[in-house]
Amino acid sequence: MSQTAAVRLNYELTKPSEVRRGVLQGCLISPTLFNVYAEAMMKEALDDLKEGICVGGELAQSVRYADDQAMAANTEKGLQTFWMKQTE
């Protein structure tokens, strides 16, 4: 069975490529790879922002569990800033 994939880059799709390697859904390494990717994405998107809520003296910007994620801010403008930063 042949599988292809394309990547969205700057609002355009790349030429489809054949998928020859990867992990199947349910593979034991899938959650770890997902967490590594999600953490890197959030760090890059939110690292320089000072928005969030203070919890126990620490700034909380996002809460993640499994494949769900929520962003936290004190103001509507703060949430909008998070959203715009993530979609750049």
PDB file of N, CA and C in Angstrom:
ATOM      1  N   MET A   1       0.850  -1.178   0.000  1.00  0.00           N
ATOM      2  CA  MET A   1       0.000   0.000   0.000  1.00  0.00           C
ATOM      3  C   MET A   1       0.895   1.240   0.000  1.00  0.00           C
ATOM      4  N   SER A   2       0.679   2.143  -0.923  1.00  0.00           N
ATOM      5  CA  SER A   2       1.488   3.352  -1.050  1.00  0.00           C
ATOM      6  C   SER A   2       0.793   4.522  -0.351  1.00  0.00           C
ATOM      7  N   GLN A   3       1.583   5.331   0.348  1.00  0.00           N
ATOM      8  CA  GLN A   3       1.041   6.490   1.045  1.00  0.00           C
ATOM      9  C   GLN A   3       1.856   7.710   0.651  1.00  0.00           C
ATOM     10  N   THR A   4       1.174   8.841   0.423  1.00  0.00           N
ATOM     11  CA  THR A   4       1.867  10.089   0.106  1.00  0.00           C
ATOM     12  C   THR A   4       1.461  11.159   1.099  1.00  0.00           C
ATOM     13  N   ALA A   5       2.318  12.184   1.214  1.00  0.00           N
ATOM     14  CA  ALA A   5       2.035  13.299   2.112  1.00  0.00           C
ATOM     15  C   ALA A   5       2.615  14.572   1.522  1.00  0.00           C
ATOM     16  N   ALA A   6       1.973  15.684   1.834  1.00  0.00           N
ATOM     17  CA  ALA A   6       2.450  17.006   1.439  1.00  0.00           C
ATOM     18  C   ALA A   6       2.502  17.858   2.698  1.00  0.00           C
ATOM     19  N   VAL A   7       3.329  18.892   2.675  1.00  0.00           N
ATOM     20  CA  VAL A   7       3.493  19.782   3.817  1.00  0.00           C
ATOM     21  C   VAL A   7       3.012  21.164   3.423  1.00  0.00           C
ATOM     22  N   ARG A   8       2.241  21.811   4.319  1.00  0.00           N
ATOM     23  CA  ARG A   8       1.808  23.181   4.069  1.00  0.00           C
ATOM     24  C   ARG A   8       2.924  24.109   4.534  1.00  0.00           C
ATOM     25  N   LEU A   9       3.422  24.939   3.625  1.00  0.00           N
ATOM     26  CA  LEU A   9       4.525  25.846   3.898  1.00  0.00           C
ATOM     27  C   LEU A   9       4.173  27.208   3.312  1.00  0.00           C
ATOM     28  N   ASN A  10       4.058  28.205   4.206  1.00  0.00           N
ATOM     29  CA  ASN A  10       3.662  29.550   3.754  1.00  0.00           C
ATOM     30  C   ASN A  10       2.370  29.521   2.941  1.00  0.00           C
ATOM     31  N   TYR A  11       1.379  28.825   3.443  1.00  0.00           N
ATOM     32  CA  TYR A  11       0.037  28.751   2.868  1.00  0.00           C
ATOM     33  C   TYR A  11      -0.036  27.991   1.548  1.00  0.00           C
ATOM     34  N   GLU A  12       1.024  27.307   1.147  1.00  0.00           N
ATOM     35  CA  GLU A  12       1.011  26.506  -0.066  1.00  0.00           C
ATOM     36  C   GLU A  12       1.462  25.088   0.265  1.00  0.00           C
ATOM     37  N   LEU A  13       0.937  24.115  -0.480  1.00  0.00           N
ATOM     38  CA  LEU A  13       1.321  22.737  -0.279  1.00  0.00           C
ATOM     39  C   LEU A  13       2.535  22.398  -1.131  1.00  0.00           C
ATOM     40  N   THR A  14       3.450  21.643  -0.543  1.00  0.00           N
ATOM     41  CA  THR A  14       4.599  21.164  -1.296  1.00  0.00           C
ATOM     42  C   THR A  14       4.145  20.030  -2.215  1.00  0.00           C
ATOM     43  N   LYS A  15       5.015  19.629  -3.092  1.00  0.00           N
ATOM     44  CA  LYS A  15       4.751  18.495  -3.961  1.00  0.00           C
ATOM     45  C   LYS A  15       4.618  17.241  -3.089  1.00  0.00           C
ATOM     46  N   PRO A  16       3.591  16.415  -3.310  1.00  0.00           N
ATOM     47  CA  PRO A  16       3.433  15.208  -2.507  1.00  0.00           C
ATOM     48  C   PRO A  16       4.638  14.275  -2.644  1.00  0.00           C
ATOM     49  N   SER A  17       5.021  13.659  -1.543  1.00  0.00           N
ATOM     50  CA  SER A  17       6.128  12.711  -1.511  1.00  0.00           C
ATOM     51  C   SER A  17       5.636  11.389  -0.945  1.00  0.00           C
ATOM     52  N   GLU A  18       6.253  10.327  -1.372  1.00  0.00           N
ATOM     53  CA  GLU A  18       5.896   9.012  -0.865  1.00  0.00           C
ATOM     54  C   GLU A  18       6.422   8.856   0.566  1.00  0.00           C
ATOM     55  N   VAL A  19       5.579   8.343   1.443  1.00  0.00           N
ATOM     56  CA  VAL A  19       5.977   8.085   2.829  1.00  0.00           C
ATOM     57  C   VAL A  19       6.556   6.680   2.864  1.00  0.00           C
ATOM     58  N   ARG A  20       7.835   6.599   3.220  1.00  0.00           N
ATOM     59  CA  ARG A  20       8.501   5.298   3.253  1.00  0.00           C
ATOM     60  C   ARG A  20       8.782   4.830   4.675  1.00  0.00           C
ATOM     61  N   ARG A  21       8.849   5.780   5.597  1.00  0.00           N
ATOM     62  CA  ARG A  21       9.131   5.444   6.993  1.00  0.00           C
ATOM     63  C   ARG A  21       8.228   6.253   7.892  1.00  0.00           C
ATOM     64  N   GLY A  22       8.122   5.840   9.110  1.00  0.00           N
ATOM     65  CA  GLY A  22       7.316   6.572  10.082  1.00  0.00           C
ATOM     66  C   GLY A  22       6.773   5.613  11.115  1.00  0.00           C
ATOM     67  N   VAL A  23       5.993   6.147  11.996  1.00  0.00           N
ATOM     68  CA  VAL A  23       5.397   5.308  13.028  1.00  0.00           C
ATOM     69  C   VAL A  23       3.899   5.220  12.784  1.00  0.00           C
ATOM     70  N   LEU A  24       3.367   4.058  13.004  1.00  0.00           N
ATOM     71  CA  LEU A  24       1.944   3.843  12.822  1.00  0.00           C
ATOM     72  C   LEU A  24       1.180   4.321  14.046  1.00  0.00           C
ATOM     73  N   GLN A  25      -0.075   4.670  13.833  1.00  0.00           N
ATOM     74  CA  GLN A  25      -0.915   5.048  14.955  1.00  0.00           C
ATOM     75  C   GLN A  25      -0.972   3.859  15.918  1.00  0.00           C
ATOM     76  N   GLY A  26      -0.787   4.138  17.189  1.00  0.00           N
ATOM     77  CA  GLY A  26      -0.769   3.092  18.193  1.00  0.00           C
ATOM     78  C   GLY A  26       0.626   2.606  18.539  1.00  0.00           C
ATOM     79  N   CYS A  27       1.627   3.032  17.759  1.00  0.00           N
ATOM     80  CA  CYS A  27       3.011   2.647  18.050  1.00  0.00           C
ATOM     81  C   CYS A  27       3.429   3.284  19.370  1.00  0.00           C
ATOM     82  N   LEU A  28       4.225   2.579  20.153  1.00  0.00           N
ATOM     83  CA  LEU A  28       4.619   3.059  21.474  1.00  0.00           C
ATOM     84  C   LEU A  28       5.450   4.344  21.436  1.00  0.00           C
ATOM     85  N   ILE A  29       6.145   4.616  20.351  1.00  0.00           N
ATOM     86  CA  ILE A  29       6.969   5.825  20.285  1.00  0.00           C
ATOM     87  C   ILE A  29       6.156   7.057  19.839  1.00  0.00           C
ATOM     88  N   SER A  30       4.973   6.842  19.291  1.00  0.00           N
ATOM     89  CA  SER A  30       4.166   7.961  18.796  1.00  0.00           C
ATOM     90  C   SER A  30       3.914   9.048  19.836  1.00  0.00           C
ATOM     91  N   PRO A  31       3.494   8.722  21.066  1.00  0.00           N
ATOM     92  CA  PRO A  31       3.244   9.776  22.053  1.00  0.00           C
ATOM     93  C   PRO A  31       4.497  10.587  22.387  1.00  0.00           C
ATOM     94  N   THR A  32       5.636   9.916  22.445  1.00  0.00           N
ATOM     95  CA  THR A  32       6.882  10.625  22.753  1.00  0.00           C
ATOM     96  C   THR A  32       7.238  11.590  21.630  1.00  0.00           C
ATOM     97  N   LEU A  33       7.157  11.127  20.388  1.00  0.00           N
ATOM     98  CA  LEU A  33       7.453  12.006  19.257  1.00  0.00           C
ATOM     99  C   LEU A  33       6.474  13.181  19.196  1.00  0.00           C
ATOM    100  N   PHE A  34       5.204  12.915  19.477  1.00  0.00           N
ATOM    101  CA  PHE A  34       4.214  13.985  19.490  1.00  0.00           C
ATOM    102  C   PHE A  34       4.551  15.015  20.556  1.00  0.00           C
ATOM    103  N   ASN A  35       4.914  14.559  21.761  1.00  0.00           N
ATOM    104  CA  ASN A  35       5.245  15.484  22.847  1.00  0.00           C
ATOM    105  C   ASN A  35       6.479  16.319  22.535  1.00  0.00           C
ATOM    106  N   VAL A  36       7.492  15.708  21.927  1.00  0.00           N
ATOM    107  CA  VAL A  36       8.695  16.454  21.546  1.00  0.00           C
ATOM    108  C   VAL A  36       8.325  17.557  20.554  1.00  0.00           C
ATOM    109  N   TYR A  37       7.530  17.210  19.553  1.00  0.00           N
ATOM    110  CA  TYR A  37       7.111  18.190  18.557  1.00  0.00           C
ATOM    111  C   TYR A  37       6.254  19.294  19.177  1.00  0.00           C
ATOM    112  N   ALA A  38       5.261  18.913  19.974  1.00  0.00           N
ATOM    113  CA  ALA A  38       4.355  19.897  20.571  1.00  0.00           C
ATOM    114  C   ALA A  38       5.101  20.846  21.504  1.00  0.00           C
ATOM    115  N   GLU A  39       6.030  20.327  22.290  1.00  0.00           N
ATOM    116  CA  GLU A  39       6.796  21.160  23.208  1.00  0.00           C
ATOM    117  C   GLU A  39       7.663  22.155  22.446  1.00  0.00           C
ATOM    118  N   ALA A  40       8.327  21.690  21.394  1.00  0.00           N
ATOM    119  CA  ALA A  40       9.175  22.588  20.593  1.00  0.00           C
ATOM    120  C   ALA A  40       8.341  23.669  19.922  1.00  0.00           C
ATOM    121  N   MET A  41       7.177  23.300  19.407  1.00  0.00           N
ATOM    122  CA  MET A  41       6.299  24.265  18.747  1.00  0.00           C
ATOM    123  C   MET A  41       5.832  25.339  19.731  1.00  0.00           C
ATOM    124  N   MET A  42       5.411  24.920  20.927  1.00  0.00           N
ATOM    125  CA  MET A  42       4.922  25.883  21.906  1.00  0.00           C
ATOM    126  C   MET A  42       6.045  26.766  22.432  1.00  0.00           C
ATOM    127  N   LYS A  43       7.214  26.192  22.642  1.00  0.00           N
ATOM    128  CA  LYS A  43       8.347  26.976  23.129  1.00  0.00           C
ATOM    129  C   LYS A  43       8.699  28.064  22.122  1.00  0.00           C
ATOM    130  N   GLU A  44       8.746  27.700  20.858  1.00  0.00           N
ATOM    131  CA  GLU A  44       9.063  28.676  19.815  1.00  0.00           C
ATOM    132  C   GLU A  44       7.987  29.750  19.714  1.00  0.00           C
ATOM    133  N   ALA A  45       6.735  29.356  19.815  1.00  0.00           N
ATOM    134  CA  ALA A  45       5.631  30.297  19.643  1.00  0.00           C
ATOM    135  C   ALA A  45       5.444  31.226  20.842  1.00  0.00           C
ATOM    136  N   LEU A  46       5.682  30.738  22.056  1.00  0.00           N
ATOM    137  CA  LEU A  46       5.318  31.499  23.250  1.00  0.00           C
ATOM    138  C   LEU A  46       6.492  31.974  24.093  1.00  0.00           C
ATOM    139  N   ASP A  47       7.703  31.568  23.758  1.00  0.00           N
ATOM    140  CA  ASP A  47       8.858  31.829  24.606  1.00  0.00           C
ATOM    141  C   ASP A  47       9.080  33.308  24.899  1.00  0.00           C
ATOM    142  N   ASP A  48       8.918  34.183  23.912  1.00  0.00           N
ATOM    143  CA  ASP A  48       9.199  35.606  24.120  1.00  0.00           C
ATOM    144  C   ASP A  48       7.982  36.410  24.565  1.00  0.00           C
ATOM    145  N   LEU A  49       6.831  35.751  24.746  1.00  0.00           N
ATOM    146  CA  LEU A  49       5.622  36.451  25.190  1.00  0.00           C
ATOM    147  C   LEU A  49       5.536  36.446  26.706  1.00  0.00           C
ATOM    148  N   LYS A  50       5.064  37.525  27.260  1.00  0.00           N
ATOM    149  CA  LYS A  50       4.927  37.641  28.718  1.00  0.00           C
ATOM    150  C   LYS A  50       3.473  37.561  29.155  1.00  0.00           C
ATOM    151  N   GLU A  51       2.601  37.076  28.294  1.00  0.00           N
ATOM    152  CA  GLU A  51       1.189  36.890  28.625  1.00  0.00           C
ATOM    153  C   GLU A  51       1.029  35.589  29.398  1.00  0.00           C
ATOM    154  N   GLY A  52      -0.057  35.468  30.128  1.00  0.00           N
ATOM    155  CA  GLY A  52      -0.360  34.246  30.856  1.00  0.00           C
ATOM    156  C   GLY A  52      -1.038  34.577  32.172  1.00  0.00           C
ATOM    157  N   ILE A  53      -1.189  33.570  33.011  1.00  0.00           N
ATOM    158  CA  ILE A  53      -1.762  33.773  34.334  1.00  0.00           C
ATOM    159  C   ILE A  53      -0.761  33.268  35.366  1.00  0.00           C
ATOM    160  N   CYS A  54      -0.754  33.891  36.519  1.00  0.00           N
ATOM    161  CA  CYS A  54       0.183  33.526  37.582  1.00  0.00           C
ATOM    162  C   CYS A  54      -0.440  32.416  38.433  1.00  0.00           C
ATOM    163  N   VAL A  55       0.254  31.297  38.526  1.00  0.00           N
ATOM    164  CA  VAL A  55      -0.192  30.167  39.326  1.00  0.00           C
ATOM    165  C   VAL A  55       0.965  29.767  40.231  1.00  0.00           C
ATOM    166  N   GLY A  56       0.803  29.975  41.523  1.00  0.00           N
ATOM    167  CA  GLY A  56       1.853  29.621  42.468  1.00  0.00           C
ATOM    168  C   GLY A  56       3.155  30.360  42.216  1.00  0.00           C
ATOM    169  N   GLY A  57       3.054  31.595  41.757  1.00  0.00           N
ATOM    170  CA  GLY A  57       4.238  32.394  41.488  1.00  0.00           C
ATOM    171  C   GLY A  57       4.893  32.127  40.145  1.00  0.00           C
ATOM    172  N   GLU A  58       4.336  31.214  39.348  1.00  0.00           N
ATOM    173  CA  GLU A  58       4.874  30.887  38.025  1.00  0.00           C
ATOM    174  C   GLU A  58       3.907  31.356  36.951  1.00  0.00           C
ATOM    175  N   LEU A  59       4.449  31.776  35.816  1.00  0.00           N
ATOM    176  CA  LEU A  59       3.621  32.211  34.689  1.00  0.00           C
ATOM    177  C   LEU A  59       3.178  30.989  33.890  1.00  0.00           C
ATOM    178  N   ALA A  60       1.884  30.748  33.846  1.00  0.00           N
ATOM    179  CA  ALA A  60       1.325  29.638  33.064  1.00  0.00           C
ATOM    180  C   ALA A  60       0.758  30.205  31.779  1.00  0.00           C
ATOM    181  N   GLN A  61       1.284  29.731  30.657  1.00  0.00           N
ATOM    182  CA  GLN A  61       0.827  30.212  29.352  1.00  0.00           C
ATOM    183  C   GLN A  61      -0.041  29.185  28.648  1.00  0.00           C
ATOM    184  N   SER A  62       0.206  27.927  28.920  1.00  0.00           N
ATOM    185  CA  SER A  62      -0.592  26.893  28.271  1.00  0.00           C
ATOM    186  C   SER A  62      -0.684  25.675  29.180  1.00  0.00           C
ATOM    187  N   VAL A  63      -1.730  24.911  28.949  1.00  0.00           N
ATOM    188  CA  VAL A  63      -1.955  23.669  29.674  1.00  0.00           C
ATOM    189  C   VAL A  63      -2.161  22.602  28.607  1.00  0.00           C
ATOM    190  N   ARG A  64      -1.425  21.503  28.735  1.00  0.00           N
ATOM    191  CA  ARG A  64      -1.535  20.433  27.746  1.00  0.00           C
ATOM    192  C   ARG A  64      -1.797  19.111  28.443  1.00  0.00           C
ATOM    193  N   TYR A  65      -2.654  18.315  27.828  1.00  0.00           N
ATOM    194  CA  TYR A  65      -2.921  16.970  28.308  1.00  0.00           C
ATOM    195  C   TYR A  65      -3.217  16.099  27.095  1.00  0.00           C
ATOM    196  N   ALA A  66      -2.467  15.025  26.949  1.00  0.00           N
ATOM    197  CA  ALA A  66      -2.596  14.130  25.790  1.00  0.00           C
ATOM    198  C   ALA A  66      -2.450  14.962  24.519  1.00  0.00           C
ATOM    199  N   ASP A  67      -3.476  14.988  23.674  1.00  0.00           N
ATOM    200  CA  ASP A  67      -3.377  15.774  22.446  1.00  0.00           C
ATOM    201  C   ASP A  67      -4.237  17.036  22.500  1.00  0.00           C
ATOM    202  N   ASP A  68      -4.599  17.470  23.708  1.00  0.00           N
ATOM    203  CA  ASP A  68      -5.369  18.701  23.884  1.00  0.00           C
ATOM    204  C   ASP A  68      -4.458  19.789  24.441  1.00  0.00           C
ATOM    205  N   GLN A  69      -4.798  21.016  24.113  1.00  0.00           N
ATOM    206  CA  GLN A  69      -3.994  22.152  24.581  1.00  0.00           C
ATOM    207  C   GLN A  69      -4.908  23.359  24.784  1.00  0.00           C
ATOM    208  N   ALA A  70      -4.634  24.103  25.834  1.00  0.00           N
ATOM    209  CA  ALA A  70      -5.358  25.347  26.092  1.00  0.00           C
ATOM    210  C   ALA A  70      -4.341  26.439  26.402  1.00  0.00           C
ATOM    211  N   MET A  71      -4.588  27.638  25.891  1.00  0.00           N
ATOM    212  CA  MET A  71      -3.720  28.781  26.182  1.00  0.00           C
ATOM    213  C   MET A  71      -4.397  29.626  27.254  1.00  0.00           C
ATOM    214  N   ALA A  72      -3.593  30.297  28.088  1.00  0.00           N
ATOM    215  CA  ALA A  72      -4.133  31.105  29.173  1.00  0.00           C
ATOM    216  C   ALA A  72      -3.545  32.502  29.131  1.00  0.00           C
ATOM    217  N   ALA A  73      -4.414  33.501  29.344  1.00  0.00           N
ATOM    218  CA  ALA A  73      -3.981  34.897  29.399  1.00  0.00           C
ATOM    219  C   ALA A  73      -4.952  35.667  30.285  1.00  0.00           C
ATOM    220  N   ASN A  74      -4.507  36.820  30.771  1.00  0.00           N
ATOM    221  CA  ASN A  74      -5.359  37.655  31.623  1.00  0.00           C
ATOM    222  C   ASN A  74      -6.371  38.464  30.836  1.00  0.00           C
ATOM    223  N   THR A  75      -6.105  38.689  29.555  1.00  0.00           N
ATOM    224  CA  THR A  75      -6.973  39.549  28.753  1.00  0.00           C
ATOM    225  C   THR A  75      -7.296  38.900  27.418  1.00  0.00           C
ATOM    226  N   GLU A  76      -8.336  39.401  26.793  1.00  0.00           N
ATOM    227  CA  GLU A  76      -8.700  38.962  25.452  1.00  0.00           C
ATOM    228  C   GLU A  76      -7.567  39.285  24.470  1.00  0.00           C
ATOM    229  N   LYS A  77      -6.957  40.456  24.644  1.00  0.00           N
ATOM    230  CA  LYS A  77      -5.842  40.848  23.781  1.00  0.00           C
ATOM    231  C   LYS A  77      -4.674  39.866  23.932  1.00  0.00           C
ATOM    232  N   GLY A  78      -4.431  39.409  25.153  1.00  0.00           N
ATOM    233  CA  GLY A  78      -3.380  38.433  25.394  1.00  0.00           C
ATOM    234  C   GLY A  78      -3.634  37.128  24.656  1.00  0.00           C
ATOM    235  N   LEU A  79      -4.875  36.641  24.685  1.00  0.00           N
ATOM    236  CA  LEU A  79      -5.224  35.428  23.954  1.00  0.00           C
ATOM    237  C   LEU A  79      -5.059  35.633  22.453  1.00  0.00           C
ATOM    238  N   GLN A  80      -5.459  36.814  21.975  1.00  0.00           N
ATOM    239  CA  GLN A  80      -5.305  37.125  20.552  1.00  0.00           C
ATOM    240  C   GLN A  80      -3.819  37.124  20.165  1.00  0.00           C
ATOM    241  N   THR A  81      -2.973  37.653  21.045  1.00  0.00           N
ATOM    242  CA  THR A  81      -1.536  37.666  20.792  1.00  0.00           C
ATOM    243  C   THR A  81      -1.000  36.245  20.689  1.00  0.00           C
ATOM    244  N   PHE A  82      -1.418  35.359  21.590  1.00  0.00           N
ATOM    245  CA  PHE A  82      -1.012  33.954  21.533  1.00  0.00           C
ATOM    246  C   PHE A  82      -1.419  33.343  20.186  1.00  0.00           C
ATOM    247  N   TRP A  83      -2.671  33.559  19.830  1.00  0.00           N
ATOM    248  CA  TRP A  83      -3.212  32.965  18.603  1.00  0.00           C
ATOM    249  C   TRP A  83      -2.420  33.444  17.379  1.00  0.00           C
ATOM    250  N   MET A  84      -2.179  34.742  17.298  1.00  0.00           N
ATOM    251  CA  MET A  84      -1.460  35.282  16.148  1.00  0.00           C
ATOM    252  C   MET A  84      -0.028  34.758  16.102  1.00  0.00           C
ATOM    253  N   LYS A  85       0.603  34.628  17.250  1.00  0.00           N
ATOM    254  CA  LYS A  85       1.976  34.133  17.309  1.00  0.00           C
ATOM    255  C   LYS A  85       2.049  32.674  16.847  1.00  0.00           C
ATOM    256  N   GLN A  86       1.053  31.889  17.228  1.00  0.00           N
ATOM    257  CA  GLN A  86       1.048  30.469  16.846  1.00  0.00           C
ATOM    258  C   GLN A  86       0.777  30.257  15.377  1.00  0.00           C
ATOM    259  N   THR A  87       0.057  31.163  14.757  1.00  0.00           N
ATOM    260  CA  THR A  87      -0.312  30.964  13.346  1.00  0.00           C
ATOM    261  C   THR A  87       0.637  31.673  12.380  1.00  0.00           C
ATOM    262  N   GLU A  88       1.729  32.252  12.882  1.00  0.00           N
ATOM    263  CA  GLU A  88       2.695  32.924  12.000  1.00  0.00           C
ATOM    264  C   GLU A  88       3.362  31.942  11.080  1.00  0.00           C
TER     265      GLU A  88
END
